[in-house]
Protein backbone atom coordinates (compact mmCIF):
# COMPACT_ATOMS: atom_id res chain seq x y z
CA MET A 1 -15.11 4.92 -1.34
CA CYS A 2 -15.02 6.57 2.06
CA SER A 3 -12.33 4.60 3.92
CA CYS A 4 -9.73 1.86 3.81
CA PHE A 5 -9.07 -0.19 6.95
CA TYR A 6 -6.15 -2.43 7.94
CA LEU A 7 -5.79 -4.46 11.14
CA ASP A 8 -2.27 -5.70 11.89
CA GLY A 9 -2.12 -9.47 12.22
CA GLU A 10 -5.12 -10.10 9.96
CA GLY A 11 -3.30 -9.00 6.82
CA ASN A 12 -6.53 -8.12 5.03
CA TRP A 13 -7.58 -4.74 3.71
CA GLN A 14 -11.16 -3.61 4.06
CA PHE A 15 -12.64 -1.04 1.65
CA ASP A 16 -15.75 0.86 2.71
CA TYR A 17 -18.20 2.57 0.38
CA TYR A 18 -20.90 4.95 1.57
CA LEU A 19 -24.44 4.23 0.35
CA PRO A 20 -26.18 7.62 0.76
CA LYS A 21 -29.69 6.38 -0.11
CA LYS A 22 -29.50 3.76 2.65
CA ASP A 23 -27.16 5.79 4.92
CA LYS A 24 -25.11 2.63 5.35
CA ILE A 25 -21.67 1.28 4.54
CA LYS A 26 -20.92 -1.44 2.00
CA THR A 27 -17.70 -3.25 2.84
CA PHE A 28 -15.42 -5.40 0.70
CA VAL A 29 -12.60 -7.41 2.31
CA VAL A 30 -9.60 -8.40 0.20
CA GLU A 31 -8.42 -11.84 1.30
CA ASN A 32 -5.93 -14.38 -0.06
CA THR A 33 -8.82 -16.26 -1.66
CA GLY A 34 -10.40 -13.21 -3.29
CA ILE A 35 -12.81 -10.42 -2.38
CA ARG A 36 -15.57 -10.98 0.16
CA GLU A 37 -18.58 -8.66 0.33
CA LEU A 38 -20.08 -8.01 3.78
CA GLU A 39 -23.65 -7.10 4.58
CA ASP A 40 -24.47 -3.39 4.63
CA SER A 41 -23.75 -1.96 8.07
CA LYS A 42 -24.64 1.04 10.20
CA ILE A 43 -22.30 4.02 10.18
CA PHE A 44 -20.47 5.19 13.28
CA LYS A 45 -21.14 8.90 12.89
CA LYS A 46 -23.27 11.70 14.24
CA ASP A 47 -26.66 11.92 12.48
CA GLU A 48 -25.90 15.24 10.80
CA GLU A 49 -22.36 14.27 9.81
CA VAL A 50 -21.73 13.62 6.11
CA LEU A 51 -19.20 11.00 5.09
CA LYS A 52 -16.71 12.39 2.63
CA ARG A 53 -15.37 10.60 -0.40
CA LEU A 54 -11.70 9.68 -0.40
CA ASN A 55 -9.72 11.48 -3.07
CA LEU A 56 -6.86 9.08 -3.72
CA ASP A 57 -5.10 11.70 -5.86
CA ARG A 58 -4.38 13.54 -2.60
CA VAL A 59 -2.73 10.50 -1.01
CA LYS A 60 1.00 10.95 -1.49
CA ILE A 61 2.12 9.18 1.71
CA THR A 62 1.96 5.40 1.44
CA PHE A 63 0.60 3.09 4.11
CA GLU A 64 4.16 1.96 4.94
CA LYS A 65 5.41 5.56 5.23
CA ALA A 66 2.49 6.55 7.49
CA VAL A 67 3.23 3.61 9.80
CA ASP A 68 6.95 4.54 9.79
CA ILE A 69 6.05 8.11 10.80
CA VAL A 70 3.98 6.89 13.74
CA ASP A 71 6.61 4.28 14.68
CA ASN A 72 9.20 7.10 14.86
CA LEU A 73 6.84 9.17 17.01
CA LYS A 74 6.31 6.22 19.36
CA ASN A 75 10.03 5.50 19.58
CA LYS A 76 10.86 9.14 20.41
CA LYS A 77 8.03 10.14 22.75
CA TYR A 78 6.58 6.88 24.04
CA LYS A 79 9.58 4.55 24.34
CA ASN A 80 8.04 2.47 27.13
CA GLU A 81 4.99 1.56 25.07
CA ASN A 82 5.18 -1.87 23.45
CA VAL A 83 2.79 -2.16 20.53
CA VAL A 84 0.51 -5.20 20.57
CA LYS A 85 -1.82 -4.29 17.69
CA LYS A 86 -1.86 -1.69 14.91
CA ILE A 87 -5.02 -0.36 13.30
CA VAL A 88 -4.69 1.90 10.26
CA ILE A 89 -7.53 3.73 8.53
CA LEU A 90 -7.30 5.97 5.49
CA GLN A 91 -10.21 8.41 5.61
CA ASN A 92 -11.26 11.94 4.80
CA ILE A 93 -11.49 14.12 7.91
CA ASN A 94 -11.47 17.55 6.23
CA THR A 95 -8.62 16.13 4.15
CA GLU A 96 -7.18 12.68 3.50
CA ILE A 97 -5.73 11.34 6.75
CA TRP A 98 -3.96 8.19 7.84
CA ASN A 99 -5.60 7.53 11.21
CA VAL A 100 -3.14 5.22 13.00
CA THR A 101 -3.97 3.59 16.33
CA TYR A 102 -1.63 1.44 18.40
CA LEU A 103 -2.85 -0.72 21.28
CA THR A 104 -0.03 -1.25 23.77
CA SER A 105 0.87 -3.82 26.42
CA ASN A 106 0.52 -1.04 29.04
CA PHE A 107 -3.21 -0.85 28.22
CA ASN A 108 -2.75 2.44 26.40
CA ILE A 109 -3.99 3.61 23.04
CA LEU A 110 -1.69 5.80 20.96
CA ASN A 111 -3.56 7.54 18.16
CA ALA A 112 -1.84 9.71 15.57
CA ARG A 113 -3.33 11.28 12.48
CA VAL A 114 -0.94 11.76 9.58
CA ASP A 115 -1.78 14.07 6.67
CA ALA A 116 -1.81 11.74 3.65
CA ASP A 117 -0.43 14.47 1.38
CA SER A 118 2.37 15.99 3.44
CA GLY A 119 3.19 13.29 6.01
CA LYS A 120 2.82 15.81 8.83
CA ILE A 121 1.38 14.54 12.12
CA VAL A 122 -1.76 16.66 12.59
CA SER A 123 -2.73 15.20 15.98
CA GLU A 124 -1.55 12.68 18.52
CA LYS A 125 -2.67 11.42 21.89
CA LEU A 126 -1.90 8.64 24.31
CA GLU A 127 -4.78 7.51 26.50
CA ASN A 128 -5.36 4.63 28.88
CA VAL A 129 -7.86 1.99 27.76
CA ILE A 130 -9.62 2.23 31.16
CA LYS A 131 -10.80 5.72 30.15
CA PHE A 132 -12.99 4.10 27.50
CA LYS A 133 -14.76 1.76 29.95
CA ALA A 134 -18.51 2.24 29.83
CA GLY A 135 -19.80 3.32 33.18
């Protein structure tokens, strides 16, 4: 398993497994009716980049706690940002990280990475969605 993905509002968890022989991702979605398997998909990574396995033994901070940590950050530093959508990914980026992204009504994206072992915010940034427009 290389990542776990949660999109606020959908209520479903997605679990991704790396298939090294195919260099693709196999995804399973946990729904109310059971588990749905998706077709193998391409990986969003640089060609030379290696996807790392998640070590769940290193995950001490729960999903709820990670979201609370980022909520507190938003409430202290970005009070004027109203969250419209939350995206949460548990992945290994040199260590296990909760990668939390908030889309806001001001057309901003707040991204914070929370160390899944210590709960420390290892990075944060607020950027305008317009920056991501292809041009």
